[in-house]
Amino acid sequence: MNNERPSTERKALQINLDPRRYGSFAEIGAGQEVVRWFFRVGAAAGTIAKSMSAYDMAVSDAIYGECQRYVCRQRLDDMLTREHTLNIERLKEQRGDSTAFFAFADTVSARNYHGTNECHGWMGIRFQAHPRDEDSQIILHVRMLDNNNAAQQEALGIVGVNLLYGAFFLNHEPDQLIESLLDNLSTQRIEIDMIEFSGIAFRHVDNRVMSLRLVQLGLSKAAMFSADGEVLQPAEVLYKKPILVERGSFRPVTHVNLDMIQAAQKSFRKEADVDPNQVVTLAEITMRNLRANGEIDLQDFLARVDTLAACGMTVLISDYFEYYRLAAYLSQYTKKKIAITMGAGSLHELFEEKYYTELDGGILESFGRMFKNDLKLYVYPLMDRETSELTTVENLEIAPELRKLYDYLVDKGCIEQLHAYNPEHLSTFSREVLKMIESGDDEWKKHVPQEVATVIQKRGIFGCKSHAPESRLAAMVAPMGAAFSNVPAPGAFAT
């Protein structure tokens, strides 16, 4: 892709001058900021079949059906379905052989007069890549970061034009399409924390890879998807829910990973202010972990998430290497309790001051941020296989100058030892299991859940000597791999 990014005006005009493109714009909540670009640059009559806004809730309900929330995925889906269906019904016979129809929609809450609302929105396009083609679709969730309404509306309009341009001219290169969404903008103005591709033009796209791409490019600090591969919008999953997180490499998922999260769940659900039926459990992988060998290996990434999926885990990919930043991110969405489960070795690293030199307040500032919202750490024991001695919260070695701080956090209940663990799994270490898999030592199967072993063998991942045909992972990521190389890793401590 040429390094020179076309201006927003040029993109809008190129769309207007394309005789194949014809469709409608429906925008709720922040003015008709996207369609305005197409009117402004000229030749809009060749592109716009209809432009509308429905600000009043009763009017919006009359057009698209009733909805409990007006800035949500469901409202966007209703808008796209109605507008695209109307275009096809009204215009297909007249010009369907030469026209690729589309419907663009957004529903947005820009900054209000008092500055008290959440500034975000849903945006999407349903379109035909070619005349008479089956439908394709792109949905995204945006957060506007400017501090005034006018600037937010301007940024929203630019993102919308970028989305339309990408759908029409870059649909064969979804990787480049994502990168182009912030053309003529910056990550200081717009965050895109969810994107989903579907339909005929994107039949080979894995939305989990696209989620990773958002975080890698800095368009978002985190992305989330379910065990079945569905892309999730974090705010909708985490809103007002108690959250339990296990951070790991999951390379591969072992009995220890599951035992750790299950033991933490038992303790977390007993907390007085935690509704056990509302707990959201996440397996988190940091970008630093994915770059452990210098650059991101997409086959390795998909291998990890496929084995997590086999265990039914929701996955969070984040650019929050320090725990206090992860805690701050999660606390944006909930006032309920947040807990992180980790091994005793990771807890020991957490108390090493060398990791906090970039903070003016050092380790005290880090811990002040991390524990200010009543965050809790659940600690899984570490076994010395030579002596069978366990390292736990009670006997963890801490630097003398930090001992009182550590004891204070333990006494306050911020750090808690897990007791409901299975001793049989304490001798398992994922790096050793990985070596067993690569060397063809069948002992590795004893250290992972059966469903994980099945996935590893069937797909020949993690270097497993499989007799199965070429892994679907290789075929899936081959056309996308080049764009993920040569991306530098920012400095932060690994956990």
Protein backbone atom coordinates (compact mmCIF):
# COMPACT_ATOMS: atom_id res chain seq x y z
CA MET A 1 0.00 0.00 0.00
CA ASN A 2 1.30 3.43 -0.89
CA ASN A 3 2.55 5.28 2.18
CA GLU A 4 0.77 8.42 0.99
CA ARG A 5 -2.67 8.44 2.56
CA PRO A 6 -5.44 9.97 0.46
CA SER A 7 -7.23 12.90 2.08
CA THR A 8 -10.79 12.54 3.34
CA GLU A 9 -11.99 14.78 0.49
CA ARG A 10 -10.24 12.64 -2.08
CA LYS A 11 -11.73 9.45 -0.65
CA ALA A 12 -15.25 10.84 -0.63
CA LEU A 13 -14.91 12.17 -4.18
CA GLN A 14 -13.50 8.88 -5.46
CA ILE A 15 -16.57 7.10 -4.07
CA ASN A 16 -18.92 9.70 -5.59
CA LEU A 17 -17.30 9.28 -8.99
CA ASP A 18 -17.55 5.49 -8.93
CA PRO A 19 -20.70 4.70 -10.98
CA ARG A 20 -21.13 1.31 -9.30
CA ARG A 21 -21.73 2.65 -5.78
CA TYR A 22 -25.21 3.72 -4.77
CA GLY A 23 -26.90 3.60 -1.40
CA SER A 24 -28.25 5.25 1.72
CA PHE A 25 -26.96 6.91 4.86
CA ALA A 26 -28.77 6.73 8.21
CA GLU A 27 -27.15 8.47 11.17
CA ILE A 28 -28.44 8.90 14.71
CA GLY A 29 -27.09 10.98 17.54
CA ALA A 30 -24.24 13.13 16.21
CA GLY A 31 -25.62 14.75 13.07
CA GLN A 32 -25.07 13.57 9.53
CA GLU A 33 -21.33 13.91 9.84
CA VAL A 34 -20.40 11.15 7.40
CA VAL A 35 -22.78 11.93 4.57
CA ARG A 36 -21.85 15.60 4.83
CA TRP A 37 -18.46 14.80 3.31
CA PHE A 38 -20.10 13.35 0.21
CA PHE A 39 -22.35 16.37 -0.24
CA ARG A 40 -19.41 18.72 0.32
CA VAL A 41 -17.04 17.30 -2.31
CA GLY A 42 -19.60 17.24 -5.12
CA ALA A 43 -21.10 14.63 -7.45
CA ALA A 44 -23.11 13.19 -4.56
CA ALA A 45 -26.16 12.57 -6.72
CA GLY A 46 -24.41 9.58 -8.23
CA THR A 47 -23.87 7.96 -4.81
CA ILE A 48 -26.61 8.92 -2.37
CA ALA A 49 -30.07 7.42 -2.77
CA LYS A 50 -31.20 8.73 0.63
CA SER A 51 -29.81 10.46 3.69
CA MET A 52 -31.65 10.64 6.98
CA SER A 53 -31.43 11.14 10.74
CA ALA A 54 -33.95 10.07 13.35
CA TYR A 55 -33.06 11.89 16.56
CA ASP A 56 -36.38 11.47 18.36
CA MET A 57 -36.63 8.09 20.04
CA ALA A 58 -40.27 7.62 19.07
CA VAL A 59 -39.47 8.39 15.45
CA SER A 60 -36.48 6.05 15.52
CA ASP A 61 -38.64 3.28 16.99
CA ALA A 62 -41.31 3.83 14.35
CA ILE A 63 -38.73 3.35 11.60
CA TYR A 64 -36.50 0.61 13.00
CA GLY A 65 -38.54 -1.02 15.74
CA GLU A 66 -38.35 -0.61 19.51
CA CYS A 67 -35.01 -0.91 21.24
CA GLN A 68 -34.02 -0.60 24.91
CA ARG A 69 -30.83 1.28 24.07
CA TYR A 70 -30.26 3.56 21.12
CA VAL A 71 -26.47 3.46 20.99
CA CYS A 72 -25.99 -0.28 20.72
CA ARG A 73 -25.20 -3.06 18.27
CA GLN A 74 -28.83 -4.13 17.95
CA ARG A 75 -29.96 -0.68 16.84
CA LEU A 76 -27.18 -0.55 14.25
CA ASP A 77 -28.13 -3.99 12.91
CA ASP A 78 -31.77 -2.90 12.62
CA MET A 79 -30.75 0.24 10.72
CA LEU A 80 -28.52 -1.60 8.28
CA THR A 81 -31.10 -4.31 7.62
CA ARG A 82 -33.94 -1.91 6.92
CA GLU A 83 -32.00 0.56 4.78
CA HIS A 84 -30.21 -2.04 2.69
CA THR A 85 -33.40 -4.05 2.17
CA LEU A 86 -35.23 -0.92 0.98
CA ASN A 87 -32.46 -0.12 -1.48
CA ILE A 88 -32.62 -3.60 -3.00
CA GLU A 89 -36.42 -3.67 -3.12
CA ARG A 90 -36.75 -0.22 -4.70
CA LEU A 91 -33.79 -0.20 -7.07
CA LYS A 92 -32.76 -3.75 -7.92
CA GLU A 93 -34.87 -4.16 -11.05
CA GLN A 94 -34.13 -0.66 -12.30
CA ARG A 95 -30.33 -0.67 -11.93
CA GLY A 96 -29.26 -3.88 -10.20
CA ASP A 97 -27.16 -5.15 -13.13
CA SER A 98 -24.77 -2.21 -12.97
CA THR A 99 -25.01 -1.05 -9.35
CA ALA A 100 -23.46 -2.39 -6.14
CA PHE A 101 -25.85 -1.19 -3.42
CA PHE A 102 -24.87 -0.25 0.11
CA ALA A 103 -26.31 1.03 3.36
CA PHE A 104 -24.19 2.96 5.85
CA ALA A 105 -25.41 3.59 9.40
CA ASP A 106 -24.18 4.88 12.72
CA THR A 107 -25.72 5.48 16.12
CA VAL A 108 -23.57 7.69 18.31
CA SER A 109 -23.45 9.47 21.63
CA ALA A 110 -21.11 12.45 21.22
CA ARG A 111 -20.15 14.71 24.12
CA ASN A 112 -23.21 16.38 25.63
CA TYR A 113 -23.41 19.96 26.85
CA HIS A 114 -22.36 19.06 30.41
CA GLY A 115 -19.73 16.52 29.38
CA THR A 116 -21.28 13.80 31.54
CA ASN A 117 -21.96 11.06 28.99
CA GLU A 118 -19.94 8.22 27.54
CA CYS A 119 -18.70 9.29 24.10
CA HIS A 120 -18.95 6.29 21.83
CA GLY A 121 -20.85 4.84 18.92
CA TRP A 122 -21.58 1.93 16.60
CA MET A 123 -20.89 2.27 12.90
CA GLY A 124 -21.27 -0.12 10.01
CA ILE A 125 -21.80 -0.74 6.32
CA ARG A 126 -23.66 -3.52 4.51
CA PHE A 127 -22.74 -3.63 0.85
CA GLN A 128 -22.36 -5.53 -2.37
CA ALA A 129 -18.75 -5.69 -3.47
CA HIS A 130 -20.00 -6.12 -7.06
CA PRO A 131 -23.40 -5.74 -8.73
CA ARG A 132 -25.76 -8.65 -7.94
CA ASP A 133 -23.23 -9.94 -5.38
CA GLU A 134 -24.16 -11.43 -2.02
CA ASP A 135 -23.97 -9.01 0.89
CA SER A 136 -20.88 -8.26 2.93
CA GLN A 137 -20.68 -6.26 6.14
CA ILE A 138 -18.28 -4.43 8.45
CA ILE A 139 -19.29 -3.42 11.98
CA LEU A 140 -17.13 -1.41 14.36
CA HIS A 141 -17.38 0.27 17.73
CA VAL A 142 -15.67 3.63 18.22
CA ARG A 143 -14.79 5.82 21.16
CA MET A 144 -14.40 9.53 20.55
CA LEU A 145 -11.55 10.96 22.65
CA ASP A 146 -11.67 14.69 21.77
CA ASN A 147 -12.86 16.91 24.60
CA ASN A 148 -15.52 18.87 22.71
CA ASN A 149 -18.56 17.96 20.65
CA ALA A 150 -17.50 19.62 17.40
CA ALA A 151 -14.15 17.83 17.29
CA GLN A 152 -15.80 14.50 18.07
CA GLN A 153 -18.29 14.95 15.25
CA GLU A 154 -15.50 15.85 12.86
CA ALA A 155 -13.53 12.74 13.81
CA LEU A 156 -16.62 10.59 13.46
CA GLY A 157 -17.18 11.88 9.93
CA ILE A 158 -13.61 11.08 8.91
CA VAL A 159 -13.80 7.53 10.31
CA GLY A 160 -17.06 6.99 8.43
CA VAL A 161 -15.54 8.05 5.12
CA ASN A 162 -12.54 5.81 5.81
CA LEU A 163 -14.86 2.88 6.47
CA LEU A 164 -16.80 3.40 3.23
CA TYR A 165 -13.62 3.79 1.21
CA GLY A 166 -12.11 0.69 2.77
CA ALA A 167 -15.24 -1.38 2.15
CA PHE A 168 -15.35 -0.41 -1.53
CA PHE A 169 -11.66 -0.34 -2.49
CA LEU A 170 -9.81 -2.43 0.11
CA ASN A 171 -12.23 -5.26 0.85
CA HIS A 172 -9.78 -7.72 -0.72
CA GLU A 173 -7.10 -6.53 1.76
CA PRO A 174 -8.79 -6.43 5.19
CA ASP A 175 -5.45 -5.89 6.87
CA GLN A 176 -4.90 -2.67 4.93
CA LEU A 177 -8.55 -1.76 5.41
CA ILE A 178 -8.13 -1.75 9.19
CA GLU A 179 -4.94 0.29 8.95
CA SER A 180 -6.72 2.88 6.80
CA LEU A 181 -9.49 3.55 9.34
CA LEU A 182 -7.37 6.18 11.09
CA ASP A 183 -6.22 7.93 7.91
CA ASN A 184 -6.17 11.69 8.60
CA LEU A 185 -6.76 11.03 12.31
CA SER A 186 -4.75 9.75 15.28
CA THR A 187 -5.22 7.38 18.19
CA GLN A 188 -5.49 10.47 20.40
CA ARG A 189 -8.83 11.25 18.76
CA ILE A 190 -10.45 7.90 18.01
CA GLU A 191 -10.27 4.43 19.49
CA ILE A 192 -11.73 1.41 17.67
CA ASP A 193 -12.12 -1.40 20.19
CA MET A 194 -14.17 -3.83 18.12
CA ILE A 195 -14.41 -4.73 14.44
CA GLU A 196 -16.26 -7.56 12.74
CA PHE A 197 -16.16 -8.65 9.12
CA SER A 198 -18.82 -10.93 7.63
CA GLY A 199 -20.31 -11.91 4.30
CA ILE A 200 -19.04 -13.12 0.95
CA ALA A 201 -16.19 -10.62 0.53
CA PHE A 202 -14.74 -11.61 3.92
CA ARG A 203 -15.41 -15.34 3.89
CA HIS A 204 -11.73 -16.08 4.53
CA VAL A 205 -11.26 -13.48 7.27
CA ASP A 206 -10.70 -14.65 10.86
CA ASN A 207 -12.09 -11.90 13.08
CA ARG A 208 -9.80 -12.95 15.92
CA VAL A 209 -6.82 -11.99 13.77
CA MET A 210 -8.52 -8.70 12.96
CA SER A 211 -9.01 -8.06 16.68
CA LEU A 212 -5.32 -8.65 17.23
CA ARG A 213 -4.58 -6.25 14.41
CA LEU A 214 -6.55 -3.47 16.17
CA VAL A 215 -4.35 -3.77 19.24
CA GLN A 216 -1.13 -4.16 17.29
CA LEU A 217 -1.77 -0.97 15.33
CA GLY A 218 -2.72 0.97 18.45
CA LEU A 219 -6.30 1.54 17.32
CA SER A 220 -7.32 -0.07 20.60
CA LYS A 221 -5.57 -1.08 23.79
CA ALA A 222 -7.56 -4.29 24.09
CA ALA A 223 -9.77 -6.62 22.07
CA MET A 224 -12.00 -9.47 23.13
CA PHE A 225 -13.59 -12.53 21.55
CA SER A 226 -15.60 -15.48 22.79
CA ALA A 227 -14.79 -19.18 22.71
CA ASP A 228 -16.73 -19.57 19.45
CA GLY A 229 -14.67 -16.82 17.79
CA GLU A 230 -17.31 -14.09 18.04
CA VAL A 231 -15.82 -10.63 18.38
CA LEU A 232 -17.06 -8.94 21.56
CA GLN A 233 -17.31 -5.30 22.53
CA PRO A 234 -15.63 -5.12 25.96
CA ALA A 235 -18.00 -2.57 27.50
CA GLU A 236 -21.04 -4.69 26.72
CA VAL A 237 -19.45 -7.82 28.22
CA LEU A 238 -17.93 -6.21 31.31
CA TYR A 239 -20.51 -3.53 32.15
CA LYS A 240 -21.31 -3.65 35.88
CA LYS A 241 -19.97 -7.20 36.22
CA PRO A 242 -17.43 -8.69 38.66
CA ILE A 243 -14.36 -9.68 36.64
CA LEU A 244 -11.79 -12.42 37.15
CA VAL A 245 -8.68 -12.50 34.93
CA GLU A 246 -5.92 -15.02 34.42
CA ARG A 247 -2.90 -13.69 32.55
CA GLY A 248 -0.74 -16.23 30.80
CA SER A 249 1.06 -17.36 27.69
CA PHE A 250 -1.26 -20.39 27.27
CA ARG A 251 1.35 -22.03 25.09
CA PRO A 252 -0.25 -24.48 25.46
CA VAL A 253 -3.16 -24.41 27.90
CA THR A 254 -2.28 -26.88 30.67
CA HIS A 255 -4.02 -28.41 33.67
CA VAL A 256 -2.33 -25.72 35.77
CA ASN A 257 -4.02 -22.91 33.79
CA LEU A 258 -7.46 -24.40 34.33
CA ASP A 259 -6.78 -25.37 37.94
CA MET A 260 -5.63 -21.84 38.70
CA ILE A 261 -8.73 -20.20 37.26
CA GLN A 262 -11.07 -22.77 38.82
CA ALA A 263 -9.51 -22.34 42.25
CA ALA A 264 -9.76 -18.56 41.90
CA GLN A 265 -13.39 -18.81 40.81
CA LYS A 266 -14.27 -20.75 43.95
CA SER A 267 -12.79 -18.05 46.17
CA PHE A 268 -14.04 -15.11 44.09
CA ARG A 269 -17.65 -16.30 44.03
CA LYS A 270 -17.64 -16.48 47.82
CA GLU A 271 -16.81 -12.78 48.16
CA ALA A 272 -19.61 -10.95 49.95
CA ASP A 273 -20.10 -8.37 47.19
CA VAL A 274 -19.82 -10.77 44.23
CA ASP A 275 -22.87 -12.29 42.52
CA PRO A 276 -21.55 -15.70 41.39
CA ASN A 277 -23.97 -15.73 38.45
CA GLN A 278 -22.59 -12.46 37.09
CA VAL A 279 -18.84 -13.21 37.13
CA VAL A 280 -17.02 -12.66 33.82
CA THR A 281 -13.89 -14.82 33.52
CA LEU A 282 -11.18 -13.85 31.04
CA ALA A 283 -7.98 -15.43 29.78
CA GLU A 284 -5.67 -12.51 28.97
CA ILE A 285 -2.65 -12.52 26.66
CA THR A 286 -0.52 -9.41 26.40
CA MET A 287 0.99 -8.14 23.19
CA ARG A 288 4.43 -8.43 24.79
CA ASN A 289 3.83 -12.12 25.34
CA LEU A 290 2.80 -12.57 21.70
CA ARG A 291 5.99 -10.79 20.64
CA ALA A 292 8.19 -12.90 22.91
CA ASN A 293 10.23 -14.13 19.94
CA GLY A 294 10.58 -10.72 18.29
CA GLU A 295 7.52 -10.57 16.10
CA ILE A 296 3.98 -11.89 16.12
CA ASP A 297 3.49 -15.36 14.70
CA LEU A 298 -0.12 -15.61 13.60
CA GLN A 299 -0.14 -19.40 13.56
CA ASP A 300 1.11 -19.40 17.13
CA PHE A 301 -1.51 -16.82 18.12
CA LEU A 302 -4.34 -18.85 16.61
CA ALA A 303 -2.99 -22.03 18.18
CA ARG A 304 -3.22 -20.43 21.61
CA VAL A 305 -6.73 -19.07 21.15
CA ASP A 306 -7.97 -22.31 19.58
CA THR A 307 -6.89 -24.28 22.63
CA LEU A 308 -8.43 -21.67 24.94
CA ALA A 309 -11.61 -21.92 22.90
CA ALA A 310 -11.61 -25.67 23.42
CA CYS A 311 -11.77 -24.91 27.16
CA GLY A 312 -14.66 -22.46 26.66
CA MET A 313 -12.62 -19.38 27.60
CA THR A 314 -13.29 -15.80 26.61
CA VAL A 315 -10.01 -14.22 25.46
CA LEU A 316 -8.75 -10.70 26.06
CA ILE A 317 -5.78 -9.45 24.01
CA SER A 318 -4.33 -6.37 25.68
CA ASP A 319 -1.52 -3.87 25.40
CA TYR A 320 -1.52 -3.44 29.20
CA PHE A 321 1.73 -5.05 30.29
CA GLU A 322 1.71 -3.58 33.80
CA TYR A 323 -0.97 -4.93 36.09
CA TYR A 324 -2.02 -1.49 37.31
CA ARG A 325 -2.84 -0.48 33.72
CA LEU A 326 -4.88 -3.62 33.23
CA ALA A 327 -6.75 -2.89 36.46
CA ALA A 328 -7.45 0.70 35.35
CA TYR A 329 -8.76 -0.54 32.00
CA LEU A 330 -11.16 -3.02 33.57
CA SER A 331 -12.40 -0.52 36.16
CA GLN A 332 -13.64 1.74 33.34
CA TYR A 333 -16.48 -0.69 32.80
CA THR A 334 -17.45 -1.82 36.27
CA LYS A 335 -17.57 -0.77 39.89
CA LYS A 336 -17.91 -4.40 40.91
CA LYS A 337 -14.98 -6.38 42.28
CA ILE A 338 -12.02 -7.16 39.99
CA ALA A 339 -9.61 -10.00 40.70
CA ILE A 340 -6.47 -11.30 38.99
CA THR A 341 -5.11 -14.77 39.59
CA MET A 342 -1.39 -15.46 39.21
CA GLY A 343 1.33 -17.85 40.27
CA ALA A 344 3.59 -17.17 43.23
CA GLY A 345 6.46 -16.55 40.80
CA SER A 346 4.56 -13.71 39.14
CA LEU A 347 3.70 -12.25 42.54
CA HIS A 348 7.40 -12.20 43.38
CA GLU A 349 8.14 -10.28 40.16
CA LEU A 350 5.37 -7.84 41.00
CA PHE A 351 7.41 -6.73 44.02
CA GLU A 352 10.65 -6.09 42.13
CA GLU A 353 11.24 -2.33 42.06
CA LYS A 354 13.24 -2.41 38.83
CA TYR A 355 10.00 -2.67 36.88
CA TYR A 356 8.71 0.69 38.10
CA THR A 357 11.56 3.08 37.35
CA GLU A 358 9.49 4.94 34.73
CA LEU A 359 6.92 5.95 37.35
CA ASP A 360 7.72 9.03 39.44
CA GLY A 361 6.31 7.32 42.49
CA GLY A 362 7.91 3.98 41.71
CA ILE A 363 6.36 0.83 43.13
CA LEU A 364 4.18 2.80 45.57
CA GLU A 365 2.53 4.68 42.71
CA SER A 366 1.99 1.45 40.82
CA PHE A 367 0.37 -0.30 43.77
CA GLY A 368 -1.67 2.78 44.62
CA ARG A 369 -3.18 2.71 41.14
CA MET A 370 -3.63 -1.06 41.08
CA PHE A 371 -5.38 -1.50 44.42
CA LYS A 372 -7.35 1.75 44.60
CA ASN A 373 -10.51 0.11 43.28
CA ASP A 374 -10.45 -2.80 45.73
CA LEU A 375 -8.67 -5.12 43.28
CA LYS A 376 -7.74 -8.55 44.62
CA LEU A 377 -4.88 -10.91 43.74
CA TYR A 378 -5.36 -14.66 44.08
CA VAL A 379 -2.07 -16.53 44.27
CA TYR A 380 -1.46 -20.09 43.08
CA PRO A 381 1.42 -21.94 44.80
CA LEU A 382 4.74 -22.70 43.13
CA MET A 383 6.34 -26.09 43.86
CA ASP A 384 10.07 -26.78 43.98
CA ARG A 385 10.25 -30.23 42.37
CA GLU A 386 13.53 -31.11 44.08
CA THR A 387 12.30 -30.44 47.60
CA SER A 388 8.50 -30.46 47.04
CA GLU A 389 8.42 -27.22 49.03
CA LEU A 390 5.65 -24.81 48.12
CA THR A 391 6.09 -21.07 47.68
CA THR A 392 2.93 -19.37 48.89
CA VAL A 393 1.73 -15.98 50.08
CA GLU A 394 2.86 -16.90 53.58
CA ASN A 395 6.51 -17.65 52.79
CA LEU A 396 7.19 -15.61 49.64
CA GLU A 397 10.59 -13.92 49.80
CA ILE A 398 10.22 -10.14 49.60
CA ALA A 399 12.93 -7.47 49.75
CA PRO A 400 13.25 -6.23 53.38
CA GLU A 401 12.39 -2.65 52.45
CA LEU A 402 9.10 -3.82 50.89
CA ARG A 403 8.13 -6.34 53.54
CA LYS A 404 5.84 -4.01 55.46
CA LEU A 405 4.06 -2.98 52.26
CA TYR A 406 3.59 -6.64 51.35
CA ASP A 407 2.31 -7.56 54.81
CA TYR A 408 -0.10 -4.63 54.74
CA LEU A 409 -1.62 -5.78 51.44
CA VAL A 410 -1.90 -9.36 52.70
CA ASP A 411 -3.47 -8.29 56.00
CA LYS A 412 -5.93 -6.06 54.16
CA GLY A 413 -7.03 -8.99 52.02
CA CYS A 414 -5.72 -7.56 48.72
CA ILE A 415 -3.48 -10.63 48.28
CA GLU A 416 -4.96 -14.03 49.08
CA GLN A 417 -3.55 -17.53 48.90
CA LEU A 418 -5.53 -20.10 46.90
CA HIS A 419 -6.11 -23.37 48.73
CA ALA A 420 -8.59 -25.21 46.48
CA TYR A 421 -5.91 -26.31 44.04
CA ASN A 422 -5.10 -29.80 42.77
CA PRO A 423 -1.62 -30.84 44.02
CA GLU A 424 -1.25 -33.26 41.10
CA HIS A 425 -0.86 -30.35 38.68
CA LEU A 426 1.83 -28.40 40.54
CA SER A 427 4.67 -30.13 38.70
CA THR A 428 3.43 -28.99 35.29
CA PHE A 429 5.23 -26.13 33.53
CA SER A 430 3.98 -25.02 30.12
CA ARG A 431 7.43 -24.41 28.66
CA GLU A 432 8.35 -28.04 29.41
CA VAL A 433 5.08 -29.31 27.95
CA LEU A 434 5.82 -27.33 24.80
CA LYS A 435 9.25 -29.00 24.49
CA MET A 436 7.61 -32.41 24.88
CA ILE A 437 5.18 -31.64 22.07
CA GLU A 438 7.95 -30.43 19.78
CA SER A 439 10.12 -33.47 20.49
CA GLY A 440 7.31 -35.97 19.98
CA ASP A 441 7.27 -37.11 23.62
CA ASP A 442 3.71 -38.34 24.21
CA GLU A 443 4.01 -37.55 27.94
CA TRP A 444 2.76 -34.05 27.11
CA LYS A 445 -0.79 -35.37 26.87
CA LYS A 446 -0.83 -36.00 30.62
CA HIS A 447 -0.33 -32.31 31.31
CA VAL A 448 -3.14 -30.80 29.24
CA PRO A 449 -6.93 -31.22 29.26
CA GLN A 450 -8.24 -33.85 26.86
CA GLU A 451 -10.03 -31.28 24.69
CA VAL A 452 -6.76 -29.35 24.34
CA ALA A 453 -4.83 -32.48 23.40
CA THR A 454 -7.42 -33.26 20.74
CA VAL A 455 -7.06 -29.82 19.15
CA ILE A 456 -3.26 -29.95 19.23
CA GLN A 457 -3.11 -33.37 17.59
CA LYS A 458 -5.85 -32.76 15.05
CA ARG A 459 -4.35 -29.50 13.82
CA GLY A 460 -0.69 -30.22 14.30
CA ILE A 461 -0.07 -27.03 16.29
CA PHE A 462 2.76 -26.14 18.70
CA GLY A 463 5.07 -28.31 16.60
CA CYS A 464 3.03 -31.46 17.16
CA LYS A 465 4.03 -34.18 14.70
CA SER A 466 0.59 -34.65 13.22
CA HIS A 467 -0.30 -36.82 10.26
CA ALA A 468 -3.29 -34.64 9.55
CA PRO A 469 -3.39 -32.59 6.32
CA GLU A 470 -1.97 -29.10 6.28
CA SER A 471 -3.24 -27.11 9.21
CA ARG A 472 -6.06 -24.75 8.43
CA LEU A 473 -4.10 -22.15 10.41
CA ALA A 474 -1.37 -22.01 7.80
CA ALA A 475 -3.85 -21.48 4.99
CA MET A 476 -5.77 -18.93 7.00
CA VAL A 477 -2.90 -16.67 7.97
CA ALA A 478 -0.68 -16.93 4.90
CA PRO A 479 -2.15 -13.92 3.05
CA MET A 480 -2.06 -11.80 6.21
CA GLY A 481 1.34 -12.67 7.61
CA ALA A 482 3.46 -9.98 5.95
CA ALA A 483 1.62 -7.12 7.58
CA PHE A 484 2.38 -8.45 11.06
CA SER A 485 6.16 -8.50 10.78
CA ASN A 486 8.68 -5.84 11.78
CA VAL A 487 6.47 -4.23 14.43
CA PRO A 488 8.61 -3.11 17.38
CA ALA A 489 7.63 -4.07 20.91
CA PRO A 490 7.23 -1.19 23.36
CA GLY A 491 9.10 -1.45 26.63
CA ALA A 492 7.28 -2.77 29.66
CA PHE A 493 7.89 -5.54 32.12
CA ALA A 494 6.73 -9.03 31.33
CA THR A 495 4.64 -10.99 33.77
